[in-house]
Amino acid sequence: MNVNESCLIDDINPAICVNGRLRRVTRLVNRLYSRHLRAVGISSGQQTILFFVGKVKAIEQREIGKRLQLERSTVTRELNGLVEKGYVIKSEGSQRPVIELTSEGARFLNKMVPIWQDAQNEALELLGREGDEALNTLLVNTKA
């Protein structure tokens, strides 16, 4: 096939791709949160996991991935950073390690929540009420 021949891509509009549109919005929102969280030295991925562990206090590592829809390697990488910082501990010697929030992690959460709230407010302003409602609808409809 040479470049001048008709191609299937000529008949579609890539701008309507659901995956591409969702990824663009995700990158935009992720950059926003990352900019805020940089002040406390934590990634948005670590923040998500730390909030979750902070709410449940202790949970099997594999459950984190299931509940947050994260790949096992992502959970491991983000948890390693949280363990290094002393915010969580991971039980060793078990086939199903349990992750627990430390007292240092609880103190850090208290410091981080106002910074996260600023990011949250900015994200909600960016998305608007309709965008936030659409996001909630997507989560319900996809059971994510």
C-alpha atoms as a PDB file:
ATOM      1  CA  MET A   1       0.000   0.000   0.000  1.00  0.00           C
ATOM      2  CA  ASN A   2       1.468   3.368  -0.881  1.00  0.00           C
ATOM      3  CA  VAL A   3       0.787   6.603   0.967  1.00  0.00           C
ATOM      4  CA  ASN A   4      -1.586   7.924  -1.676  1.00  0.00           C
ATOM      5  CA  GLU A   5      -3.965   4.946  -1.429  1.00  0.00           C
ATOM      6  CA  SER A   6      -7.107   5.147   0.648  1.00  0.00           C
ATOM      7  CA  CYS A   7      -6.734   3.883   4.198  1.00  0.00           C
ATOM      8  CA  LEU A   8      -9.353   3.027   6.812  1.00  0.00           C
ATOM      9  CA  ILE A   9      -8.039   5.821   9.033  1.00  0.00           C
ATOM     10  CA  ASP A  10      -9.228   8.311   6.404  1.00  0.00           C
ATOM     11  CA  ASP A  11     -12.836   7.404   7.245  1.00  0.00           C
ATOM     12  CA  ILE A  12     -12.672   7.977  10.999  1.00  0.00           C
ATOM     13  CA  ASN A  13     -12.135  10.898  13.333  1.00  0.00           C
ATOM     14  CA  PRO A  14      -9.533   9.921  15.971  1.00  0.00           C
ATOM     15  CA  ALA A  15     -10.681  12.860  18.117  1.00  0.00           C
ATOM     16  CA  ILE A  16     -13.822  10.887  19.067  1.00  0.00           C
ATOM     17  CA  CYS A  17     -11.841   7.935  20.473  1.00  0.00           C
ATOM     18  CA  VAL A  18     -13.148   7.299  24.011  1.00  0.00           C
ATOM     19  CA  ASN A  19      -9.760   6.046  25.206  1.00  0.00           C
ATOM     20  CA  GLY A  20      -7.929   9.087  23.859  1.00  0.00           C
ATOM     21  CA  ARG A  21     -10.397  11.540  25.362  1.00  0.00           C
ATOM     22  CA  LEU A  22     -10.358   9.868  28.774  1.00  0.00           C
ATOM     23  CA  ARG A  23      -6.549   9.728  28.764  1.00  0.00           C
ATOM     24  CA  ARG A  24      -6.292  13.452  27.929  1.00  0.00           C
ATOM     25  CA  VAL A  25      -8.561  14.390  30.826  1.00  0.00           C
ATOM     26  CA  THR A  26      -6.725  11.976  33.132  1.00  0.00           C
ATOM     27  CA  ARG A  27      -3.357  13.510  32.242  1.00  0.00           C
ATOM     28  CA  LEU A  28      -4.694  17.008  32.846  1.00  0.00           C
ATOM     29  CA  VAL A  29      -6.167  16.157  36.249  1.00  0.00           C
ATOM     30  CA  ASN A  30      -3.126  14.073  37.244  1.00  0.00           C
ATOM     31  CA  ARG A  31      -0.780  17.004  36.479  1.00  0.00           C
ATOM     32  CA  LEU A  32      -2.976  19.265  38.611  1.00  0.00           C
ATOM     33  CA  TYR A  33      -2.839  16.923  41.639  1.00  0.00           C
ATOM     34  CA  SER A  34       0.876  16.234  41.123  1.00  0.00           C
ATOM     35  CA  ARG A  35       1.632  19.948  41.178  1.00  0.00           C
ATOM     36  CA  HIS A  36      -0.081  20.291  44.569  1.00  0.00           C
ATOM     37  CA  LEU A  37       1.281  17.076  46.079  1.00  0.00           C
ATOM     38  CA  ARG A  38       4.864  17.879  45.067  1.00  0.00           C
ATOM     39  CA  ALA A  39       4.936  20.236  48.082  1.00  0.00           C
ATOM     40  CA  VAL A  40       4.742  17.228  50.420  1.00  0.00           C
ATOM     41  CA  GLY A  41       6.882  14.872  48.331  1.00  0.00           C
ATOM     42  CA  ILE A  42       4.266  12.315  47.375  1.00  0.00           C
ATOM     43  CA  SER A  43       2.926  11.159  44.023  1.00  0.00           C
ATOM     44  CA  SER A  44      -0.761  11.124  43.161  1.00  0.00           C
ATOM     45  CA  GLY A  45      -0.567   7.320  42.971  1.00  0.00           C
ATOM     46  CA  GLN A  46       0.868   7.162  46.481  1.00  0.00           C
ATOM     47  CA  GLN A  47      -1.769   9.628  47.668  1.00  0.00           C
ATOM     48  CA  THR A  48      -4.574   7.428  46.352  1.00  0.00           C
ATOM     49  CA  ILE A  49      -3.214   4.339  48.094  1.00  0.00           C
ATOM     50  CA  LEU A  50      -2.385   6.191  51.309  1.00  0.00           C
ATOM     51  CA  PHE A  51      -5.907   7.640  51.517  1.00  0.00           C
ATOM     52  CA  PHE A  52      -7.345   4.166  51.014  1.00  0.00           C
ATOM     53  CA  VAL A  53      -5.105   2.533  53.634  1.00  0.00           C
ATOM     54  CA  GLY A  54      -5.757   5.472  55.973  1.00  0.00           C
ATOM     55  CA  LYS A  55      -9.488   4.787  55.793  1.00  0.00           C
ATOM     56  CA  VAL A  56      -9.308   1.014  56.295  1.00  0.00           C
ATOM     57  CA  LYS A  57      -6.206   1.038  58.600  1.00  0.00           C
ATOM     58  CA  ALA A  58      -5.072  -2.447  57.474  1.00  0.00           C
ATOM     59  CA  ILE A  59      -5.670  -4.417  54.283  1.00  0.00           C
ATOM     60  CA  GLU A  60      -4.120  -7.205  52.262  1.00  0.00           C
ATOM     61  CA  GLN A  61      -1.887  -5.801  49.537  1.00  0.00           C
ATOM     62  CA  ARG A  62      -3.735  -7.617  46.766  1.00  0.00           C
ATOM     63  CA  GLU A  63      -7.032  -6.104  47.915  1.00  0.00           C
ATOM     64  CA  ILE A  64      -5.662  -2.607  47.309  1.00  0.00           C
ATOM     65  CA  GLY A  65      -5.209  -3.411  43.641  1.00  0.00           C
ATOM     66  CA  LYS A  66      -8.622  -5.015  43.363  1.00  0.00           C
ATOM     67  CA  ARG A  67     -10.487  -2.202  45.082  1.00  0.00           C
ATOM     68  CA  LEU A  68      -8.629   0.623  43.307  1.00  0.00           C
ATOM     69  CA  GLN A  69      -8.423  -1.177  39.931  1.00  0.00           C
ATOM     70  CA  LEU A  70      -4.615  -0.986  39.887  1.00  0.00           C
ATOM     71  CA  GLU A  71      -2.087  -3.376  38.382  1.00  0.00           C
ATOM     72  CA  ARG A  72      -0.106  -5.434  40.876  1.00  0.00           C
ATOM     73  CA  SER A  73       3.183  -3.835  39.750  1.00  0.00           C
ATOM     74  CA  THR A  74       1.723  -0.349  40.282  1.00  0.00           C
ATOM     75  CA  VAL A  75       0.567  -1.212  43.800  1.00  0.00           C
ATOM     76  CA  THR A  76       3.981  -2.683  44.626  1.00  0.00           C
ATOM     77  CA  ARG A  77       5.886   0.330  43.259  1.00  0.00           C
ATOM     78  CA  GLU A  78       3.703   2.903  45.047  1.00  0.00           C
ATOM     79  CA  LEU A  79       3.686   0.943  48.312  1.00  0.00           C
ATOM     80  CA  ASN A  80       7.481   0.637  48.269  1.00  0.00           C
ATOM     81  CA  GLY A  81       7.699   4.432  48.272  1.00  0.00           C
ATOM     82  CA  LEU A  82       5.209   4.681  51.134  1.00  0.00           C
ATOM     83  CA  VAL A  83       7.096   2.039  53.139  1.00  0.00           C
ATOM     84  CA  GLU A  84      10.393   3.895  52.551  1.00  0.00           C
ATOM     85  CA  LYS A  85       8.819   7.108  53.846  1.00  0.00           C
ATOM     86  CA  GLY A  86       7.541   5.261  56.934  1.00  0.00           C
ATOM     87  CA  TYR A  87       3.858   5.940  56.203  1.00  0.00           C
ATOM     88  CA  VAL A  88       2.828   2.281  55.973  1.00  0.00           C
ATOM     89  CA  ILE A  89       4.271  -1.036  57.044  1.00  0.00           C
ATOM     90  CA  LYS A  90       4.015  -4.272  55.140  1.00  0.00           C
ATOM     91  CA  SER A  91       3.883  -7.580  56.997  1.00  0.00           C
ATOM     92  CA  GLU A  92       6.631  -9.894  55.788  1.00  0.00           C
ATOM     93  CA  GLY A  93       6.728 -13.648  55.547  1.00  0.00           C
ATOM     94  CA  SER A  94       3.153 -14.041  54.431  1.00  0.00           C
ATOM     95  CA  GLN A  95       1.866 -15.035  51.023  1.00  0.00           C
ATOM     96  CA  ARG A  96      -0.702 -12.294  51.501  1.00  0.00           C
ATOM     97  CA  PRO A  97       1.123  -9.316  52.990  1.00  0.00           C
ATOM     98  CA  VAL A  98      -0.991  -6.907  55.007  1.00  0.00           C
ATOM     99  CA  ILE A  99      -0.465  -3.163  54.662  1.00  0.00           C
ATOM    100  CA  GLU A 100      -1.026  -1.001  57.731  1.00  0.00           C
ATOM    101  CA  LEU A 101      -0.962   2.727  58.306  1.00  0.00           C
ATOM    102  CA  THR A 102       1.759   3.854  60.743  1.00  0.00           C
ATOM    103  CA  SER A 103       1.455   6.692  63.249  1.00  0.00           C
ATOM    104  CA  GLU A 104       3.857   8.657  61.002  1.00  0.00           C
ATOM    105  CA  GLY A 105       1.484   7.939  58.102  1.00  0.00           C
ATOM    106  CA  ALA A 106      -1.464   9.238  60.123  1.00  0.00           C
ATOM    107  CA  ARG A 107       0.446  12.451  60.952  1.00  0.00           C
ATOM    108  CA  PHE A 108       1.382  12.844  57.299  1.00  0.00           C
ATOM    109  CA  LEU A 109      -2.252  12.411  56.234  1.00  0.00           C
ATOM    110  CA  ASN A 110      -3.227  15.257  58.564  1.00  0.00           C
ATOM    111  CA  LYS A 111      -0.604  17.437  56.887  1.00  0.00           C
ATOM    112  CA  MET A 112      -1.523  16.301  53.370  1.00  0.00           C
ATOM    113  CA  VAL A 113      -5.328  16.554  53.478  1.00  0.00           C
ATOM    114  CA  PRO A 114      -5.481  20.376  53.232  1.00  0.00           C
ATOM    115  CA  ILE A 115      -3.101  20.278  50.250  1.00  0.00           C
ATOM    116  CA  TRP A 116      -5.206  17.567  48.632  1.00  0.00           C
ATOM    117  CA  GLN A 117      -8.335  19.653  49.316  1.00  0.00           C
ATOM    118  CA  ASP A 118      -6.803  22.554  47.389  1.00  0.00           C
ATOM    119  CA  ALA A 119      -6.112  20.207  44.465  1.00  0.00           C
ATOM    120  CA  GLN A 120      -9.615  18.770  44.738  1.00  0.00           C
ATOM    121  CA  ASN A 121     -11.189  22.231  44.626  1.00  0.00           C
ATOM    122  CA  GLU A 122      -9.108  23.184  41.589  1.00  0.00           C
ATOM    123  CA  ALA A 123     -10.026  19.936  39.825  1.00  0.00           C
ATOM    124  CA  LEU A 124     -13.725  20.455  40.528  1.00  0.00           C
ATOM    125  CA  GLU A 125     -13.471  23.999  39.204  1.00  0.00           C
ATOM    126  CA  LEU A 126     -11.766  22.696  36.067  1.00  0.00           C
ATOM    127  CA  LEU A 127     -14.342  19.938  35.469  1.00  0.00           C
ATOM    128  CA  GLY A 128     -17.347  22.022  36.450  1.00  0.00           C
ATOM    129  CA  ARG A 129     -20.490  20.648  38.074  1.00  0.00           C
ATOM    130  CA  GLU A 130     -21.552  18.830  34.914  1.00  0.00           C
ATOM    131  CA  GLY A 131     -18.129  17.253  34.472  1.00  0.00           C
ATOM    132  CA  ASP A 132     -18.111  16.047  38.078  1.00  0.00           C
ATOM    133  CA  GLU A 133     -21.613  14.606  37.690  1.00  0.00           C
ATOM    134  CA  ALA A 134     -20.574  12.923  34.427  1.00  0.00           C
ATOM    135  CA  LEU A 135     -17.577  11.385  36.199  1.00  0.00           C
ATOM    136  CA  ASN A 136     -19.821  10.022  38.970  1.00  0.00           C
ATOM    137  CA  THR A 137     -22.196   8.608  36.337  1.00  0.00           C
ATOM    138  CA  LEU A 138     -19.282   6.913  34.557  1.00  0.00           C
ATOM    139  CA  LEU A 139     -18.104   5.332  37.799  1.00  0.00           C
ATOM    140  CA  VAL A 140     -21.582   4.020  38.587  1.00  0.00           C
ATOM    141  CA  ASN A 141     -22.246   2.785  35.045  1.00  0.00           C
ATOM    142  CA  THR A 142     -18.907   0.985  34.786  1.00  0.00           C
ATOM    143  CA  LYS A 143     -19.004  -0.266  38.382  1.00  0.00           C
ATOM    144  CA  ALA A 144     -15.438   1.015  38.773  1.00  0.00           C
END
